[in-house]
């Protein structure tokens, strides 16, 4: 069973995807801009800026994620666009949280100043939304393709993972 989990930066996408994959014993596919930046030996923010000018960066990242997921019978794909790009996902989950909450989480994870993290989060949201619309005609602010939408401000990461695993187990029963 292929599970796609998406959400904006700081929603808990990586944490929840990791927990779900671990609980189900599925491979985790979470190849991100951070991974690509490391692979290319460039700064994360530099790669983000390059991607604004060079569409091939996004296209490569997205293509590789989908290829990695489709090569697996069972997997969890956690990415900003997973629910839109992995058309053959059995379950599509969208995680949401306010910009303030997401910025606070990023601040706690990466440091800096809370205000700066909020400004960066809002800027990244705007850049990502414009880029996804331009590249794929995807509106990442509209999660209507998702089977399950979870507000991550209301639950701990483990509770969210448990909800998703419960939904997967229910789907497995229906499909068997």
C-alpha atoms as a PDB file:
ATOM      1  CA  UNK A   1       0.000   0.000   0.000  1.00  0.00           C
ATOM      2  CA  UNK A   2       1.399   3.379  -1.016  1.00  0.00           C
ATOM      3  CA  UNK A   3       0.742   6.237   1.395  1.00  0.00           C
ATOM      4  CA  UNK A   4       1.320   9.877   0.424  1.00  0.00           C
ATOM      5  CA  UNK A   5       1.715  12.452   3.198  1.00  0.00           C
ATOM      6  CA  UNK A   6       2.008  16.168   2.428  1.00  0.00           C
ATOM      7  CA  UNK A   7       2.092  19.427   4.312  1.00  0.00           C
ATOM      8  CA  UNK A   8       3.874  22.739   4.288  1.00  0.00           C
ATOM      9  CA  UNK A   9       7.214  23.239   6.018  1.00  0.00           C
ATOM     10  CA  UNK A  10       6.933  22.715   9.776  1.00  0.00           C
ATOM     11  CA  UNK A  11       3.668  20.734   9.688  1.00  0.00           C
ATOM     12  CA  UNK A  12       5.389  17.608  10.952  1.00  0.00           C
ATOM     13  CA  UNK A  13       5.490  15.874   7.586  1.00  0.00           C
ATOM     14  CA  UNK A  14       8.917  14.280   8.060  1.00  0.00           C
ATOM     15  CA  UNK A  15       8.276  13.272  11.676  1.00  0.00           C
ATOM     16  CA  UNK A  16       4.855  11.780  10.969  1.00  0.00           C
ATOM     17  CA  UNK A  17       5.979  10.053   7.757  1.00  0.00           C
ATOM     18  CA  UNK A  18       8.883   8.477   9.637  1.00  0.00           C
ATOM     19  CA  UNK A  19       6.615   7.255  12.446  1.00  0.00           C
ATOM     20  CA  UNK A  20       4.020   5.832  10.037  1.00  0.00           C
ATOM     21  CA  UNK A  21       6.663   4.028   7.964  1.00  0.00           C
ATOM     22  CA  UNK A  22       8.222   2.598  11.121  1.00  0.00           C
ATOM     23  CA  UNK A  23       4.907   1.409  12.550  1.00  0.00           C
ATOM     24  CA  UNK A  24       3.887  -0.256   9.292  1.00  0.00           C
ATOM     25  CA  UNK A  25       7.348  -1.588   8.466  1.00  0.00           C
ATOM     26  CA  UNK A  26       7.239   0.245   5.118  1.00  0.00           C
ATOM     27  CA  UNK A  27      10.146   1.977   3.414  1.00  0.00           C
ATOM     28  CA  UNK A  28      10.139   5.750   3.899  1.00  0.00           C
ATOM     29  CA  UNK A  29      10.635   7.879   0.817  1.00  0.00           C
ATOM     30  CA  UNK A  30      11.377  11.409   1.931  1.00  0.00           C
ATOM     31  CA  UNK A  31      13.803  12.735  -0.662  1.00  0.00           C
ATOM     32  CA  UNK A  32      13.675  16.503  -0.175  1.00  0.00           C
ATOM     33  CA  UNK A  33      15.387  19.723  -1.183  1.00  0.00           C
ATOM     34  CA  UNK A  34      17.628  19.195   1.850  1.00  0.00           C
ATOM     35  CA  UNK A  35      18.696  15.788   0.493  1.00  0.00           C
ATOM     36  CA  UNK A  36      19.248  17.192  -2.984  1.00  0.00           C
ATOM     37  CA  UNK A  37      21.261  20.117  -1.587  1.00  0.00           C
ATOM     38  CA  UNK A  38      23.450  17.704   0.363  1.00  0.00           C
ATOM     39  CA  UNK A  39      23.846  15.461  -2.696  1.00  0.00           C
ATOM     40  CA  UNK A  40      24.925  18.469  -4.782  1.00  0.00           C
ATOM     41  CA  UNK A  41      27.062  19.834  -1.930  1.00  0.00           C
ATOM     42  CA  UNK A  42      25.283  23.212  -1.864  1.00  0.00           C
ATOM     43  CA  UNK A  43      23.517  25.197   0.850  1.00  0.00           C
ATOM     44  CA  UNK A  44      19.792  24.424   1.245  1.00  0.00           C
ATOM     45  CA  UNK A  45      18.698  28.057   0.838  1.00  0.00           C
ATOM     46  CA  UNK A  46      20.992  28.459  -2.164  1.00  0.00           C
ATOM     47  CA  UNK A  47      19.305  25.473  -3.831  1.00  0.00           C
ATOM     48  CA  UNK A  48      15.876  26.964  -3.049  1.00  0.00           C
ATOM     49  CA  UNK A  49      16.936  30.198  -4.748  1.00  0.00           C
ATOM     50  CA  UNK A  50      18.327  28.286  -7.738  1.00  0.00           C
ATOM     51  CA  UNK A  51      15.031  26.406  -8.039  1.00  0.00           C
ATOM     52  CA  UNK A  52      13.231  29.729  -8.485  1.00  0.00           C
ATOM     53  CA  UNK A  53      15.184  30.192 -11.745  1.00  0.00           C
ATOM     54  CA  UNK A  54      15.694  26.568 -12.800  1.00  0.00           C
ATOM     55  CA  UNK A  55      12.572  24.405 -13.060  1.00  0.00           C
ATOM     56  CA  UNK A  56      14.655  21.297 -13.685  1.00  0.00           C
ATOM     57  CA  UNK A  57      15.541  21.159  -9.971  1.00  0.00           C
ATOM     58  CA  UNK A  58      11.923  20.721  -8.870  1.00  0.00           C
ATOM     59  CA  UNK A  59      11.163  18.397 -11.744  1.00  0.00           C
ATOM     60  CA  UNK A  60      14.143  16.178 -10.902  1.00  0.00           C
ATOM     61  CA  UNK A  61      13.233  16.029  -7.226  1.00  0.00           C
ATOM     62  CA  UNK A  62       9.569  15.250  -7.911  1.00  0.00           C
ATOM     63  CA  UNK A  63      10.367  12.696 -10.625  1.00  0.00           C
ATOM     64  CA  UNK A  64      12.800  10.874  -8.356  1.00  0.00           C
ATOM     65  CA  UNK A  65      10.319  10.769  -5.473  1.00  0.00           C
ATOM     66  CA  UNK A  66       7.568   9.281  -7.625  1.00  0.00           C
ATOM     67  CA  UNK A  67       9.964   6.776  -9.220  1.00  0.00           C
ATOM     68  CA  UNK A  68      11.177   5.689  -5.793  1.00  0.00           C
ATOM     69  CA  UNK A  69       7.599   5.262  -4.555  1.00  0.00           C
ATOM     70  CA  UNK A  70       6.383   3.406  -7.637  1.00  0.00           C
ATOM     71  CA  UNK A  71       9.300   0.975  -7.338  1.00  0.00           C
ATOM     72  CA  UNK A  72       7.815  -0.156  -4.001  1.00  0.00           C
ATOM     73  CA  UNK A  73       4.676  -2.203  -3.409  1.00  0.00           C
ATOM     74  CA  UNK A  74       4.344  -0.649   0.046  1.00  0.00           C
ATOM     75  CA  UNK A  75       5.852   2.688   1.074  1.00  0.00           C
ATOM     76  CA  UNK A  76       5.289   6.041   2.704  1.00  0.00           C
ATOM     77  CA  UNK A  77       6.114   9.060   0.545  1.00  0.00           C
ATOM     78  CA  UNK A  78       6.438  12.221   2.598  1.00  0.00           C
ATOM     79  CA  UNK A  79       6.838  15.383   0.538  1.00  0.00           C
ATOM     80  CA  UNK A  80       5.264  18.778  -0.084  1.00  0.00           C
ATOM     81  CA  UNK A  81       3.561  17.481  -3.252  1.00  0.00           C
ATOM     82  CA  UNK A  82       3.145  13.764  -2.488  1.00  0.00           C
ATOM     83  CA  UNK A  83      -0.666  13.795  -2.463  1.00  0.00           C
ATOM     84  CA  UNK A  84      -0.757  15.477  -5.862  1.00  0.00           C
ATOM     85  CA  UNK A  85       2.190  13.738  -7.543  1.00  0.00           C
ATOM     86  CA  UNK A  86       1.673  10.136  -6.403  1.00  0.00           C
ATOM     87  CA  UNK A  87      -1.533   9.537  -8.312  1.00  0.00           C
ATOM     88  CA  UNK A  88      -1.581   5.836  -7.439  1.00  0.00           C
ATOM     89  CA  UNK A  89      -1.410   6.322  -3.671  1.00  0.00           C
ATOM     90  CA  UNK A  90      -3.899   4.225  -1.734  1.00  0.00           C
ATOM     91  CA  UNK A  91      -4.131   6.888   0.977  1.00  0.00           C
ATOM     92  CA  UNK A  92      -3.420  10.607   0.659  1.00  0.00           C
ATOM     93  CA  UNK A  93      -2.932  12.553   3.902  1.00  0.00           C
ATOM     94  CA  UNK A  94      -2.555  16.323   4.227  1.00  0.00           C
ATOM     95  CA  UNK A  95      -1.090  17.801   7.415  1.00  0.00           C
ATOM     96  CA  UNK A  96      -1.876  21.393   8.295  1.00  0.00           C
ATOM     97  CA  UNK A  97      -0.907  23.960  10.946  1.00  0.00           C
ATOM     98  CA  UNK A  98      -0.833  27.746  11.173  1.00  0.00           C
ATOM     99  CA  UNK A  99       2.203  29.633   9.880  1.00  0.00           C
ATOM    100  CA  UNK A 100       2.957  30.733  13.462  1.00  0.00           C
ATOM    101  CA  UNK A 101       2.983  27.164  14.772  1.00  0.00           C
ATOM    102  CA  UNK A 102       5.078  25.936  11.867  1.00  0.00           C
ATOM    103  CA  UNK A 103       7.576  28.774  12.314  1.00  0.00           C
ATOM    104  CA  UNK A 104       7.835  28.008  16.039  1.00  0.00           C
ATOM    105  CA  UNK A 105       8.585  24.350  15.284  1.00  0.00           C
ATOM    106  CA  UNK A 106      11.246  25.335  12.765  1.00  0.00           C
ATOM    107  CA  UNK A 107      12.724  27.769  15.304  1.00  0.00           C
ATOM    108  CA  UNK A 108      12.897  25.014  17.946  1.00  0.00           C
ATOM    109  CA  UNK A 109      14.511  22.644  15.437  1.00  0.00           C
ATOM    110  CA  UNK A 110      16.944  25.028  13.729  1.00  0.00           C
ATOM    111  CA  UNK A 111      17.354  28.009  16.056  1.00  0.00           C
ATOM    112  CA  UNK A 112      17.596  31.618  14.946  1.00  0.00           C
ATOM    113  CA  UNK A 113      14.960  34.097  16.029  1.00  0.00           C
ATOM    114  CA  UNK A 114      11.231  33.306  16.163  1.00  0.00           C
ATOM    115  CA  UNK A 115      10.337  36.397  14.117  1.00  0.00           C
ATOM    116  CA  UNK A 116      12.914  35.580  11.443  1.00  0.00           C
ATOM    117  CA  UNK A 117      11.630  32.000  11.234  1.00  0.00           C
ATOM    118  CA  UNK A 118       8.074  33.286  10.777  1.00  0.00           C
ATOM    119  CA  UNK A 119       9.181  35.631   7.992  1.00  0.00           C
ATOM    120  CA  UNK A 120      11.107  32.796   6.316  1.00  0.00           C
ATOM    121  CA  UNK A 121       8.165  30.417   6.660  1.00  0.00           C
ATOM    122  CA  UNK A 122       5.761  32.887   5.064  1.00  0.00           C
ATOM    123  CA  UNK A 123       8.260  33.646   2.291  1.00  0.00           C
ATOM    124  CA  UNK A 124       8.873  29.957   1.631  1.00  0.00           C
ATOM    125  CA  UNK A 125       5.120  29.279   1.545  1.00  0.00           C
ATOM    126  CA  UNK A 126       4.632  32.001  -1.065  1.00  0.00           C
ATOM    127  CA  UNK A 127       7.579  30.833  -3.176  1.00  0.00           C
ATOM    128  CA  UNK A 128       6.526  27.179  -3.013  1.00  0.00           C
ATOM    129  CA  UNK A 129       2.898  27.944  -3.875  1.00  0.00           C
ATOM    130  CA  UNK A 130       3.855  30.074  -6.881  1.00  0.00           C
ATOM    131  CA  UNK A 131       6.402  27.518  -8.095  1.00  0.00           C
ATOM    132  CA  UNK A 132       4.053  24.516  -7.831  1.00  0.00           C
ATOM    133  CA  UNK A 133       1.331  26.441  -9.646  1.00  0.00           C
ATOM    134  CA  UNK A 134       3.722  27.429 -12.420  1.00  0.00           C
ATOM    135  CA  UNK A 135       5.346  24.004 -12.780  1.00  0.00           C
ATOM    136  CA  UNK A 136       2.408  21.648 -12.376  1.00  0.00           C
ATOM    137  CA  UNK A 137      -0.711  23.797 -12.078  1.00  0.00           C
ATOM    138  CA  UNK A 138      -1.026  22.461  -8.514  1.00  0.00           C
ATOM    139  CA  UNK A 139      -2.519  24.637  -5.791  1.00  0.00           C
ATOM    140  CA  UNK A 140      -0.822  23.364  -2.644  1.00  0.00           C
ATOM    141  CA  UNK A 141      -3.199  25.452  -0.526  1.00  0.00           C
ATOM    142  CA  UNK A 142      -6.116  23.268  -1.700  1.00  0.00           C
ATOM    143  CA  UNK A 143      -5.883  19.804  -0.127  1.00  0.00           C
ATOM    144  CA  UNK A 144      -9.154  18.575  -1.670  1.00  0.00           C
ATOM    145  CA  UNK A 145      -7.367  15.577  -3.257  1.00  0.00           C
ATOM    146  CA  UNK A 146      -6.532  14.279   0.244  1.00  0.00           C
ATOM    147  CA  UNK A 147      -8.432  11.389   1.794  1.00  0.00           C
ATOM    148  CA  UNK A 148      -7.545  12.601   5.283  1.00  0.00           C
ATOM    149  CA  UNK A 149      -6.701  16.111   6.534  1.00  0.00           C
ATOM    150  CA  UNK A 150      -5.178  16.456  10.002  1.00  0.00           C
ATOM    151  CA  UNK A 151      -4.532  19.676  11.907  1.00  0.00           C
ATOM    152  CA  UNK A 152      -1.189  18.955  13.557  1.00  0.00           C
ATOM    153  CA  UNK A 153      -1.705  21.706  16.124  1.00  0.00           C
ATOM    154  CA  UNK A 154      -4.310  19.518  17.816  1.00  0.00           C
ATOM    155  CA  UNK A 155      -2.325  16.293  18.258  1.00  0.00           C
ATOM    156  CA  UNK A 156       1.142  14.991  19.050  1.00  0.00           C
ATOM    157  CA  UNK A 157       3.081  13.399  16.197  1.00  0.00           C
ATOM    158  CA  UNK A 158       2.544   9.885  17.558  1.00  0.00           C
ATOM    159  CA  UNK A 159      -1.219  10.437  17.768  1.00  0.00           C
ATOM    160  CA  UNK A 160      -1.249  11.596  14.154  1.00  0.00           C
ATOM    161  CA  UNK A 161       0.783   8.574  13.064  1.00  0.00           C
ATOM    162  CA  UNK A 162      -1.623   6.303  14.957  1.00  0.00           C
ATOM    163  CA  UNK A 163      -4.604   7.877  13.136  1.00  0.00           C
ATOM    164  CA  UNK A 164      -2.959   7.274   9.774  1.00  0.00           C
ATOM    165  CA  UNK A 165      -1.974   3.690  10.616  1.00  0.00           C
ATOM    166  CA  UNK A 166      -5.529   3.015  11.791  1.00  0.00           C
ATOM    167  CA  UNK A 167      -6.838   4.323   8.456  1.00  0.00           C
ATOM    168  CA  UNK A 168      -4.320   2.169   6.545  1.00  0.00           C
ATOM    169  CA  UNK A 169      -5.344  -0.939   8.485  1.00  0.00           C
ATOM    170  CA  UNK A 170      -9.000  -0.187   7.775  1.00  0.00           C
ATOM    171  CA  UNK A 171      -8.237   0.186   4.060  1.00  0.00           C
ATOM    172  CA  UNK A 172      -6.300  -3.088   4.045  1.00  0.00           C
ATOM    173  CA  UNK A 173      -9.294  -4.895   5.534  1.00  0.00           C
ATOM    174  CA  UNK A 174     -11.621  -3.451   2.898  1.00  0.00           C
ATOM    175  CA  UNK A 175      -9.257  -4.351   0.063  1.00  0.00           C
ATOM    176  CA  UNK A 176      -8.660  -7.933   1.190  1.00  0.00           C
END
